[in-house]
Amino acid sequence: MAGRSNAAGERQRKATSRDVLWARPATISGEYSLPRSRKPFRDGRVHVKKRMCDTCIFQPGNLMHLKPGRVRQMVQSATKADSCIICHESLGGPQAVCHGFFAKHATSPLQIAQRLGFLKFV
C-alpha cells in the first residue's frame, strides 16, 4: 500500500478514487471522526448547502476571523485531496459541503456527483 509517514511516524495511505470527497473533508477545526450519518455523503447523495451562509469563508472580508491565508490553505488541502470544505453551519449536525467552496472550487468528485444527479442541495 503506497503512502507516507506523518509527523507522528504513522503510515498514511495515499487517497484513492474510493475515498472521493466524503472520506475526509477539510473543516476549520480539523475534526474528521464522524459517523457516516453526519458526513456530507449519506443517503446515496452528496449534501451541498443551497446558498452561502452570511458568514461563509468565501464571502468578501474575513467574517469568521480566520488567520491570514487559512482559507487558501483549506482550499489547497481540499482540492489536493479531491475532497471538500464542510460548511461551518453544518458542523454540529448532519454535514453539507460549503456552497462557496462548491461554487468556486468544485473538485472532480463534486463535478461527477453533480453530473450523475447525486447532489442534494440542503
C-alpha atoms as a PDB file:
ATOM      1  CA  MET A   1       0.000   0.000   0.000  1.00  0.00           C
ATOM      2  CA  ALA A   2       1.514   3.306  -1.101  1.00  0.00           C
ATOM      3  CA  GLY A   3       1.705   6.028   1.486  1.00  0.00           C
ATOM      4  CA  ARG A   4       3.851   8.283   3.566  1.00  0.00           C
ATOM      5  CA  SER A   5       4.529   8.892   7.217  1.00  0.00           C
ATOM      6  CA  ASN A   6       3.001  11.774   9.134  1.00  0.00           C
ATOM      7  CA  ALA A   7       4.678  13.772  11.921  1.00  0.00           C
ATOM      8  CA  ALA A   8       3.928  11.030  14.457  1.00  0.00           C
ATOM      9  CA  GLY A   9       5.569   8.404  12.235  1.00  0.00           C
ATOM     10  CA  GLU A  10       2.239   6.720  11.463  1.00  0.00           C
ATOM     11  CA  ARG A  11       1.845   5.353   7.973  1.00  0.00           C
ATOM     12  CA  GLN A  12      -0.744   7.180   5.841  1.00  0.00           C
ATOM     13  CA  ARG A  13      -2.102   5.672   2.687  1.00  0.00           C
ATOM     14  CA  LYS A  14      -2.468   7.667  -0.489  1.00  0.00           C
ATOM     15  CA  ALA A  15      -6.036   8.733  -1.295  1.00  0.00           C
ATOM     16  CA  THR A  16      -7.802   6.670  -3.934  1.00  0.00           C
ATOM     17  CA  SER A  17     -10.892   7.259  -6.024  1.00  0.00           C
ATOM     18  CA  ARG A  18     -12.922   5.326  -3.436  1.00  0.00           C
ATOM     19  CA  ASP A  19     -12.092   7.960  -0.850  1.00  0.00           C
ATOM     20  CA  VAL A  20     -13.691  10.615  -3.074  1.00  0.00           C
ATOM     21  CA  LEU A  21     -14.938  13.628  -1.134  1.00  0.00           C
ATOM     22  CA  TRP A  22     -16.857  12.192   1.760  1.00  0.00           C
ATOM     23  CA  ALA A  23     -13.999  10.404   3.452  1.00  0.00           C
ATOM     24  CA  ARG A  24     -12.009  13.287   4.963  1.00  0.00           C
ATOM     25  CA  PRO A  25     -13.466  16.718   4.244  1.00  0.00           C
ATOM     26  CA  ALA A  26     -11.484  19.716   5.438  1.00  0.00           C
ATOM     27  CA  THR A  27     -13.003  21.642   8.320  1.00  0.00           C
ATOM     28  CA  ILE A  28     -11.889  24.665  10.271  1.00  0.00           C
ATOM     29  CA  SER A  29     -11.357  22.542  13.359  1.00  0.00           C
ATOM     30  CA  GLY A  30      -9.718  19.636  11.515  1.00  0.00           C
ATOM     31  CA  GLU A  31     -12.047  17.042  13.091  1.00  0.00           C
ATOM     32  CA  TYR A  32     -12.729  14.035  10.867  1.00  0.00           C
ATOM     33  CA  SER A  33     -14.056  11.216  13.049  1.00  0.00           C
ATOM     34  CA  LEU A  34     -17.791  11.432  12.446  1.00  0.00           C
ATOM     35  CA  PRO A  35     -20.402   8.741  11.999  1.00  0.00           C
ATOM     36  CA  ARG A  36     -21.372   8.288   8.351  1.00  0.00           C
ATOM     37  CA  SER A  37     -24.887   9.594   9.119  1.00  0.00           C
ATOM     38  CA  ARG A  38     -23.388  13.055   9.710  1.00  0.00           C
ATOM     39  CA  LYS A  39     -20.969  13.194   6.780  1.00  0.00           C
ATOM     40  CA  PRO A  40     -21.830  15.123   3.596  1.00  0.00           C
ATOM     41  CA  PHE A  41     -22.219  11.865   1.646  1.00  0.00           C
ATOM     42  CA  ARG A  42     -25.139   9.977   3.100  1.00  0.00           C
ATOM     43  CA  ASP A  43     -28.395   8.523   1.855  1.00  0.00           C
ATOM     44  CA  GLY A  44     -26.770   7.974  -1.554  1.00  0.00           C
ATOM     45  CA  ARG A  45     -26.339  11.739  -2.064  1.00  0.00           C
ATOM     46  CA  VAL A  46     -23.716  14.419  -1.580  1.00  0.00           C
ATOM     47  CA  HIS A  47     -25.336  17.151   0.501  1.00  0.00           C
ATOM     48  CA  VAL A  48     -24.418  20.720  -0.504  1.00  0.00           C
ATOM     49  CA  LYS A  49     -25.697  23.927   1.096  1.00  0.00           C
ATOM     50  CA  LYS A  50     -28.240  25.710  -1.138  1.00  0.00           C
ATOM     51  CA  ARG A  51     -26.600  29.093  -0.644  1.00  0.00           C
ATOM     52  CA  MET A  52     -23.606  30.693   1.006  1.00  0.00           C
ATOM     53  CA  CYS A  53     -24.332  31.463   4.644  1.00  0.00           C
ATOM     54  CA  ASP A  54     -23.968  35.025   5.903  1.00  0.00           C
ATOM     55  CA  THR A  55     -20.589  34.270   7.473  1.00  0.00           C
ATOM     56  CA  CYS A  56     -19.253  31.995   4.724  1.00  0.00           C
ATOM     57  CA  ILE A  57     -15.474  31.976   4.466  1.00  0.00           C
ATOM     58  CA  PHE A  58     -15.927  32.714   0.751  1.00  0.00           C
ATOM     59  CA  GLN A  59     -17.876  35.938   1.378  1.00  0.00           C
ATOM     60  CA  PRO A  60     -15.835  39.148   0.999  1.00  0.00           C
ATOM     61  CA  GLY A  61     -13.965  40.099   4.157  1.00  0.00           C
ATOM     62  CA  ASN A  62     -12.887  37.843   6.991  1.00  0.00           C
ATOM     63  CA  LEU A  63     -16.254  37.228   8.641  1.00  0.00           C
ATOM     64  CA  MET A  64     -15.050  34.142  10.514  1.00  0.00           C
ATOM     65  CA  HIS A  65     -11.923  35.936  11.798  1.00  0.00           C
ATOM     66  CA  LEU A  66      -9.566  33.302  10.399  1.00  0.00           C
ATOM     67  CA  LYS A  67      -5.807  33.770  10.342  1.00  0.00           C
ATOM     68  CA  PRO A  68      -4.462  35.266   7.105  1.00  0.00           C
ATOM     69  CA  GLY A  69      -4.005  32.536   4.494  1.00  0.00           C
ATOM     70  CA  ARG A  70      -6.187  29.988   6.333  1.00  0.00           C
ATOM     71  CA  VAL A  71      -8.901  29.873   3.657  1.00  0.00           C
ATOM     72  CA  ARG A  72      -6.272  29.436   0.945  1.00  0.00           C
ATOM     73  CA  GLN A  73      -4.705  26.623   2.995  1.00  0.00           C
ATOM     74  CA  MET A  74      -8.085  24.909   3.433  1.00  0.00           C
ATOM     75  CA  VAL A  75      -8.862  25.187  -0.296  1.00  0.00           C
ATOM     76  CA  GLN A  76      -5.431  23.826  -1.249  1.00  0.00           C
ATOM     77  CA  SER A  77      -5.810  20.917   1.159  1.00  0.00           C
ATOM     78  CA  ALA A  78      -9.317  20.063  -0.054  1.00  0.00           C
ATOM     79  CA  THR A  79      -8.531  20.351  -3.755  1.00  0.00           C
ATOM     80  CA  LYS A  80      -5.279  18.406  -3.429  1.00  0.00           C
ATOM     81  CA  ALA A  81      -7.187  15.576  -1.745  1.00  0.00           C
ATOM     82  CA  ASP A  82     -10.113  15.830  -4.213  1.00  0.00           C
ATOM     83  CA  SER A  83     -12.256  16.491  -1.163  1.00  0.00           C
ATOM     84  CA  CYS A  84     -14.357  19.435   0.002  1.00  0.00           C
ATOM     85  CA  ILE A  85     -14.803  22.036   2.698  1.00  0.00           C
ATOM     86  CA  ILE A  86     -17.699  21.489   5.059  1.00  0.00           C
ATOM     87  CA  CYS A  87     -19.983  24.431   5.799  1.00  0.00           C
ATOM     88  CA  HIS A  88     -19.258  25.648   9.318  1.00  0.00           C
ATOM     89  CA  GLU A  89     -23.009  25.974   9.956  1.00  0.00           C
ATOM     90  CA  SER A  90     -23.393  22.222   9.486  1.00  0.00           C
ATOM     91  CA  LEU A  91     -20.581  21.117  11.791  1.00  0.00           C
ATOM     92  CA  GLY A  92     -22.901  20.444  14.751  1.00  0.00           C
ATOM     93  CA  GLY A  93     -25.283  18.155  12.875  1.00  0.00           C
ATOM     94  CA  PRO A  94     -25.544  16.446   9.508  1.00  0.00           C
ATOM     95  CA  GLN A  95     -22.812  17.988   7.396  1.00  0.00           C
ATOM     96  CA  ALA A  96     -23.056  19.612   3.988  1.00  0.00           C
ATOM     97  CA  VAL A  97     -20.465  20.864   1.532  1.00  0.00           C
ATOM     98  CA  CYS A  98     -19.907  24.619   1.762  1.00  0.00           C
ATOM     99  CA  HIS A  99     -21.777  26.318  -1.071  1.00  0.00           C
ATOM    100  CA  GLY A 100     -18.979  28.860  -1.505  1.00  0.00           C
ATOM    101  CA  PHE A 101     -16.457  26.060  -1.959  1.00  0.00           C
ATOM    102  CA  PHE A 102     -18.766  24.199  -4.327  1.00  0.00           C
ATOM    103  CA  ALA A 103     -19.357  27.323  -6.441  1.00  0.00           C
ATOM    104  CA  LYS A 104     -15.698  28.340  -6.701  1.00  0.00           C
ATOM    105  CA  HIS A 105     -13.631  25.179  -6.328  1.00  0.00           C
ATOM    106  CA  ALA A 106     -15.781  22.146  -7.187  1.00  0.00           C
ATOM    107  CA  THR A 107     -13.426  19.175  -7.188  1.00  0.00           C
ATOM    108  CA  SER A 108     -13.690  16.348  -9.707  1.00  0.00           C
ATOM    109  CA  PRO A 109     -15.747  14.140  -7.343  1.00  0.00           C
ATOM    110  CA  LEU A 110     -18.212  17.011  -6.763  1.00  0.00           C
ATOM    111  CA  GLN A 111     -18.488  17.616 -10.501  1.00  0.00           C
ATOM    112  CA  ILE A 112     -19.037  13.919 -11.154  1.00  0.00           C
ATOM    113  CA  ALA A 113     -21.668  13.700  -8.412  1.00  0.00           C
ATOM    114  CA  GLN A 114     -23.443  16.698  -9.941  1.00  0.00           C
ATOM    115  CA  ARG A 115     -23.392  15.237 -13.456  1.00  0.00           C
ATOM    116  CA  LEU A 116     -24.730  11.909 -12.184  1.00  0.00           C
ATOM    117  CA  GLY A 117     -27.518  13.591 -10.230  1.00  0.00           C
ATOM    118  CA  PHE A 118     -26.148  12.659  -6.806  1.00  0.00           C
ATOM    119  CA  LEU A 119     -26.185  16.165  -5.315  1.00  0.00           C
ATOM    120  CA  LYS A 120     -28.826  17.206  -2.832  1.00  0.00           C
ATOM    121  CA  PHE A 121     -28.998  20.897  -2.008  1.00  0.00           C
ATOM    122  CA  VAL A 122     -29.967  21.439   1.609  1.00  0.00           C
END
